[in-house]
């Protein structure tokens, strides 16, 4: 899993590329958390899932953890451009009631 980060104004953009599974999640988690914690003045976190080729329940846990990290630091969070498979996993799990989709 590759994690691409960028700050534009008050928005932290995190783009995930690859497969979100039990193997890749720990390093992606650590990288995202470092980025969020080093930019606590930001207002919003957007997680772009357009290039996530595979996601299972590990991805749900990953997103909930980033939600907790962002909101604890006064930031809102959303998910952008999930592919069909990721969108289905997130919809069935009810994630969009917690983390809105852009």
N, C-alpha and C. Protein backbone atom coordinates (compact mmCIF):
# COMPACT_ATOMS: atom_id res chain seq x y z
N UNK A 1 0.85 -1.17 0.00
CA UNK A 1 0.00 0.00 0.00
C UNK A 1 0.89 1.22 0.00
N UNK A 2 0.63 2.09 -0.93
CA UNK A 2 1.35 3.36 -1.00
C UNK A 2 0.43 4.45 -0.47
N UNK A 3 0.98 5.34 0.32
CA UNK A 3 0.23 6.45 0.91
C UNK A 3 0.83 7.75 0.38
N UNK A 4 0.03 8.50 -0.37
CA UNK A 4 0.45 9.78 -0.91
C UNK A 4 -0.26 10.87 -0.14
N UNK A 5 0.48 11.83 0.37
CA UNK A 5 -0.12 12.89 1.18
C UNK A 5 0.18 14.25 0.59
N UNK A 6 -0.76 15.16 0.82
CA UNK A 6 -0.59 16.53 0.35
C UNK A 6 -1.49 17.43 1.19
N UNK A 7 -0.98 18.61 1.49
CA UNK A 7 -1.78 19.59 2.22
C UNK A 7 -2.07 20.74 1.27
N UNK A 8 -3.34 21.05 1.11
CA UNK A 8 -3.76 22.15 0.26
C UNK A 8 -4.63 23.07 1.11
N UNK A 9 -4.10 24.21 1.47
CA UNK A 9 -4.83 25.09 2.38
C UNK A 9 -5.03 24.38 3.70
N UNK A 10 -6.26 24.30 4.14
CA UNK A 10 -6.57 23.64 5.40
C UNK A 10 -7.05 22.21 5.23
N UNK A 11 -6.79 21.62 4.04
CA UNK A 11 -7.26 20.27 3.76
C UNK A 11 -6.08 19.31 3.62
N UNK A 12 -6.12 18.24 4.39
CA UNK A 12 -5.11 17.18 4.27
C UNK A 12 -5.66 16.14 3.31
N UNK A 13 -4.96 15.90 2.23
CA UNK A 13 -5.39 14.91 1.25
C UNK A 13 -4.50 13.68 1.37
N UNK A 14 -5.14 12.55 1.57
CA UNK A 14 -4.44 11.28 1.70
C UNK A 14 -4.96 10.35 0.61
N UNK A 15 -4.08 9.95 -0.29
CA UNK A 15 -4.47 9.04 -1.36
C UNK A 15 -3.83 7.69 -1.10
N UNK A 16 -4.67 6.66 -1.07
CA UNK A 16 -4.20 5.30 -0.86
C UNK A 16 -4.14 4.59 -2.20
N UNK A 17 -3.02 3.89 -2.44
CA UNK A 17 -2.82 3.20 -3.71
C UNK A 17 -2.41 1.76 -3.42
N UNK A 18 -3.17 0.81 -3.95
CA UNK A 18 -2.83 -0.59 -3.75
C UNK A 18 -3.93 -1.35 -3.05
N UNK A 19 -3.53 -2.33 -2.26
CA UNK A 19 -4.48 -3.18 -1.54
C UNK A 19 -4.48 -2.87 -0.05
N UNK A 20 -5.68 -2.69 0.49
CA UNK A 20 -5.83 -2.45 1.92
C UNK A 20 -6.21 -3.77 2.56
N UNK A 21 -5.23 -4.40 3.18
CA UNK A 21 -5.47 -5.68 3.84
C UNK A 21 -4.69 -5.72 5.15
N UNK A 22 -4.76 -6.83 5.83
CA UNK A 22 -4.12 -6.97 7.13
C UNK A 22 -2.60 -6.74 7.06
N UNK A 23 -2.00 -7.10 5.94
CA UNK A 23 -0.56 -6.94 5.76
C UNK A 23 -0.16 -5.47 5.57
N UNK A 24 -0.91 -4.75 4.75
CA UNK A 24 -0.53 -3.38 4.40
C UNK A 24 -1.04 -2.31 5.38
N UNK A 25 -2.06 -2.64 6.14
CA UNK A 25 -2.70 -1.64 6.99
C UNK A 25 -1.79 -1.02 8.06
N UNK A 26 -0.95 -1.78 8.77
CA UNK A 26 -0.16 -1.16 9.84
C UNK A 26 0.75 -0.01 9.37
N UNK A 27 1.44 -0.19 8.26
CA UNK A 27 2.31 0.89 7.78
C UNK A 27 1.50 2.06 7.25
N UNK A 28 0.37 1.78 6.58
CA UNK A 28 -0.48 2.86 6.09
C UNK A 28 -1.07 3.65 7.26
N UNK A 29 -1.47 2.95 8.31
CA UNK A 29 -1.99 3.58 9.52
C UNK A 29 -0.96 4.53 10.12
N UNK A 30 0.25 4.03 10.29
CA UNK A 30 1.31 4.84 10.90
C UNK A 30 1.62 6.07 10.07
N UNK A 31 1.68 5.91 8.75
CA UNK A 31 1.98 7.04 7.88
C UNK A 31 0.87 8.10 7.92
N UNK A 32 -0.37 7.66 7.86
CA UNK A 32 -1.49 8.59 7.91
C UNK A 32 -1.55 9.32 9.24
N UNK A 33 -1.35 8.58 10.32
CA UNK A 33 -1.39 9.21 11.65
C UNK A 33 -0.29 10.25 11.81
N UNK A 34 0.90 9.95 11.32
CA UNK A 34 1.99 10.94 11.38
C UNK A 34 1.61 12.21 10.62
N UNK A 35 1.01 12.04 9.45
CA UNK A 35 0.61 13.18 8.63
C UNK A 35 -0.47 14.00 9.33
N UNK A 36 -1.45 13.34 9.89
CA UNK A 36 -2.52 14.04 10.60
C UNK A 36 -1.96 14.78 11.82
N UNK A 37 -1.15 14.11 12.61
CA UNK A 37 -0.62 14.71 13.84
C UNK A 37 0.39 15.83 13.58
N UNK A 38 1.02 15.82 12.42
CA UNK A 38 1.97 16.90 12.11
C UNK A 38 1.29 18.08 11.42
N UNK A 39 -0.03 17.98 11.21
CA UNK A 39 -0.78 19.06 10.56
C UNK A 39 -2.08 19.34 11.30
N UNK A 40 -2.02 19.46 12.61
CA UNK A 40 -3.23 19.60 13.42
C UNK A 40 -3.96 20.91 13.22
N UNK A 41 -3.36 21.89 12.54
CA UNK A 41 -4.06 23.14 12.27
C UNK A 41 -5.03 22.99 11.10
N UNK A 42 -4.94 21.89 10.37
CA UNK A 42 -5.84 21.67 9.22
C UNK A 42 -7.27 21.49 9.71
N UNK A 43 -8.21 21.76 8.84
CA UNK A 43 -9.64 21.68 9.19
C UNK A 43 -10.28 20.37 8.74
N UNK A 44 -9.69 19.73 7.70
CA UNK A 44 -10.36 18.58 7.10
C UNK A 44 -9.34 17.57 6.58
N UNK A 45 -9.74 16.29 6.63
CA UNK A 45 -8.96 15.20 6.05
C UNK A 45 -9.83 14.54 4.98
N UNK A 46 -9.28 14.38 3.79
CA UNK A 46 -9.98 13.69 2.71
C UNK A 46 -9.14 12.46 2.34
N UNK A 47 -9.76 11.29 2.42
CA UNK A 47 -9.06 10.05 2.07
C UNK A 47 -9.57 9.59 0.71
N UNK A 48 -8.69 9.63 -0.27
CA UNK A 48 -9.01 9.26 -1.65
C UNK A 48 -8.77 7.77 -1.83
N UNK A 49 -9.82 7.05 -2.18
CA UNK A 49 -9.75 5.60 -2.34
C UNK A 49 -9.82 5.17 -3.81
N UNK A 50 -9.64 6.09 -4.73
CA UNK A 50 -9.82 5.80 -6.15
C UNK A 50 -8.85 4.75 -6.68
N UNK A 51 -7.71 4.58 -6.04
CA UNK A 51 -6.73 3.61 -6.53
C UNK A 51 -6.49 2.46 -5.54
N UNK A 52 -7.51 2.21 -4.72
CA UNK A 52 -7.45 1.05 -3.83
C UNK A 52 -8.03 -0.13 -4.61
N UNK A 53 -7.18 -1.10 -4.93
CA UNK A 53 -7.59 -2.23 -5.75
C UNK A 53 -8.39 -3.27 -4.97
N UNK A 54 -8.15 -3.36 -3.66
CA UNK A 54 -8.82 -4.34 -2.83
C UNK A 54 -8.96 -3.79 -1.43
N UNK A 55 -10.13 -4.02 -0.82
CA UNK A 55 -10.33 -3.62 0.57
C UNK A 55 -11.28 -4.61 1.22
N UNK A 56 -10.93 -5.06 2.40
CA UNK A 56 -11.81 -5.92 3.17
C UNK A 56 -12.13 -5.21 4.49
N UNK A 57 -12.52 -5.95 5.50
CA UNK A 57 -12.90 -5.33 6.77
C UNK A 57 -11.73 -4.59 7.41
N UNK A 58 -10.52 -4.91 7.04
CA UNK A 58 -9.35 -4.17 7.54
C UNK A 58 -9.47 -2.69 7.16
N UNK A 59 -9.98 -2.42 5.97
CA UNK A 59 -10.17 -1.05 5.50
C UNK A 59 -11.18 -0.29 6.35
N UNK A 60 -12.19 -1.00 6.81
CA UNK A 60 -13.19 -0.38 7.68
C UNK A 60 -12.53 0.06 8.99
N UNK A 61 -11.76 -0.83 9.57
CA UNK A 61 -11.05 -0.50 10.80
C UNK A 61 -10.07 0.64 10.60
N UNK A 62 -9.39 0.62 9.46
CA UNK A 62 -8.45 1.68 9.11
C UNK A 62 -9.16 3.04 9.08
N UNK A 63 -10.29 3.10 8.40
CA UNK A 63 -11.02 4.37 8.28
C UNK A 63 -11.57 4.84 9.62
N UNK A 64 -12.09 3.93 10.42
CA UNK A 64 -12.62 4.31 11.74
C UNK A 64 -11.49 4.86 12.62
N UNK A 65 -10.34 4.24 12.55
CA UNK A 65 -9.19 4.74 13.31
C UNK A 65 -8.76 6.12 12.89
N UNK A 66 -8.75 6.39 11.58
CA UNK A 66 -8.38 7.73 11.09
C UNK A 66 -9.47 8.74 11.43
N UNK A 67 -10.73 8.29 11.45
CA UNK A 67 -11.83 9.15 11.88
C UNK A 67 -11.60 9.60 13.32
N UNK A 68 -11.29 8.65 14.19
CA UNK A 68 -11.05 8.98 15.60
C UNK A 68 -9.86 9.93 15.76
N UNK A 69 -8.80 9.67 15.01
CA UNK A 69 -7.59 10.51 15.09
C UNK A 69 -7.90 11.93 14.61
N UNK A 70 -8.59 12.05 13.49
CA UNK A 70 -8.90 13.36 12.93
C UNK A 70 -9.84 14.15 13.83
N UNK A 71 -10.93 13.52 14.25
CA UNK A 71 -11.91 14.25 15.06
C UNK A 71 -11.35 14.62 16.43
N UNK A 72 -10.46 13.79 16.98
CA UNK A 72 -9.82 14.12 18.25
C UNK A 72 -8.96 15.36 18.13
N UNK A 73 -8.54 15.66 16.90
CA UNK A 73 -7.73 16.85 16.65
C UNK A 73 -8.53 17.97 15.99
N UNK A 74 -9.86 17.91 16.08
CA UNK A 74 -10.72 18.97 15.60
C UNK A 74 -10.90 19.04 14.09
N UNK A 75 -10.65 17.96 13.39
CA UNK A 75 -10.78 17.93 11.94
C UNK A 75 -12.00 17.11 11.53
N UNK A 76 -12.61 17.51 10.44
CA UNK A 76 -13.64 16.66 9.84
C UNK A 76 -12.92 15.70 8.89
N UNK A 77 -13.62 14.65 8.48
CA UNK A 77 -13.01 13.66 7.59
C UNK A 77 -14.05 13.16 6.60
N UNK A 78 -13.60 12.88 5.39
CA UNK A 78 -14.48 12.32 4.37
C UNK A 78 -13.70 11.36 3.49
N UNK A 79 -14.43 10.57 2.74
CA UNK A 79 -13.86 9.61 1.80
C UNK A 79 -14.19 10.11 0.40
N UNK A 80 -13.21 10.06 -0.50
CA UNK A 80 -13.43 10.52 -1.87
C UNK A 80 -13.18 9.38 -2.86
N UNK A 81 -13.97 9.33 -3.86
CA UNK A 81 -13.82 8.49 -5.05
C UNK A 81 -13.54 7.02 -4.79
N UNK A 82 -14.30 6.37 -3.91
CA UNK A 82 -14.08 4.94 -3.74
C UNK A 82 -14.49 4.20 -5.01
N UNK A 83 -13.73 3.15 -5.38
CA UNK A 83 -14.13 2.36 -6.54
C UNK A 83 -15.36 1.54 -6.16
N UNK A 84 -15.91 0.82 -7.12
CA UNK A 84 -17.15 0.09 -6.90
C UNK A 84 -17.05 -0.88 -5.72
N UNK A 85 -15.98 -1.65 -5.67
CA UNK A 85 -15.81 -2.66 -4.63
C UNK A 85 -15.68 -2.01 -3.25
N UNK A 86 -14.82 -1.01 -3.13
CA UNK A 86 -14.64 -0.33 -1.85
C UNK A 86 -15.94 0.36 -1.42
N UNK A 87 -16.63 0.95 -2.37
CA UNK A 87 -17.90 1.62 -2.08
C UNK A 87 -18.92 0.64 -1.52
N UNK A 88 -18.95 -0.55 -2.10
CA UNK A 88 -19.90 -1.56 -1.63
C UNK A 88 -19.56 -2.01 -0.20
N UNK A 89 -18.29 -2.25 0.07
CA UNK A 89 -17.86 -2.66 1.42
C UNK A 89 -18.23 -1.57 2.43
N UNK A 90 -17.95 -0.32 2.09
CA UNK A 90 -18.22 0.79 3.02
C UNK A 90 -19.72 1.02 3.19
N UNK A 91 -20.49 0.86 2.14
CA UNK A 91 -21.94 1.04 2.22
C UNK A 91 -22.58 -0.03 3.11
N UNK A 92 -22.22 -1.29 2.86
CA UNK A 92 -22.78 -2.40 3.65
C UNK A 92 -22.42 -2.25 5.12
N UNK A 93 -21.22 -1.77 5.40
CA UNK A 93 -20.78 -1.60 6.80
C UNK A 93 -21.38 -0.37 7.46
N UNK A 94 -22.01 0.50 6.69
CA UNK A 94 -22.61 1.71 7.26
C UNK A 94 -21.61 2.81 7.58
N UNK A 95 -20.45 2.75 6.98
CA UNK A 95 -19.39 3.74 7.26
C UNK A 95 -19.81 5.15 6.86
N UNK A 96 -20.60 5.27 5.81
CA UNK A 96 -20.97 6.60 5.33
C UNK A 96 -21.84 7.39 6.31
N UNK A 97 -22.43 6.71 7.28
CA UNK A 97 -23.17 7.44 8.31
C UNK A 97 -22.22 8.12 9.28
N UNK A 98 -20.99 7.66 9.33
CA UNK A 98 -19.95 8.22 10.21
C UNK A 98 -19.00 9.11 9.43
N UNK A 99 -18.56 8.61 8.27
CA UNK A 99 -17.59 9.33 7.43
C UNK A 99 -18.25 9.55 6.07
N UNK A 100 -18.63 10.77 5.76
CA UNK A 100 -19.34 11.01 4.50
C UNK A 100 -18.47 10.80 3.26
N UNK A 101 -19.15 10.50 2.18
CA UNK A 101 -18.49 10.32 0.88
C UNK A 101 -18.63 11.63 0.10
N UNK A 102 -17.54 12.08 -0.50
CA UNK A 102 -17.59 13.30 -1.31
C UNK A 102 -18.01 12.97 -2.72
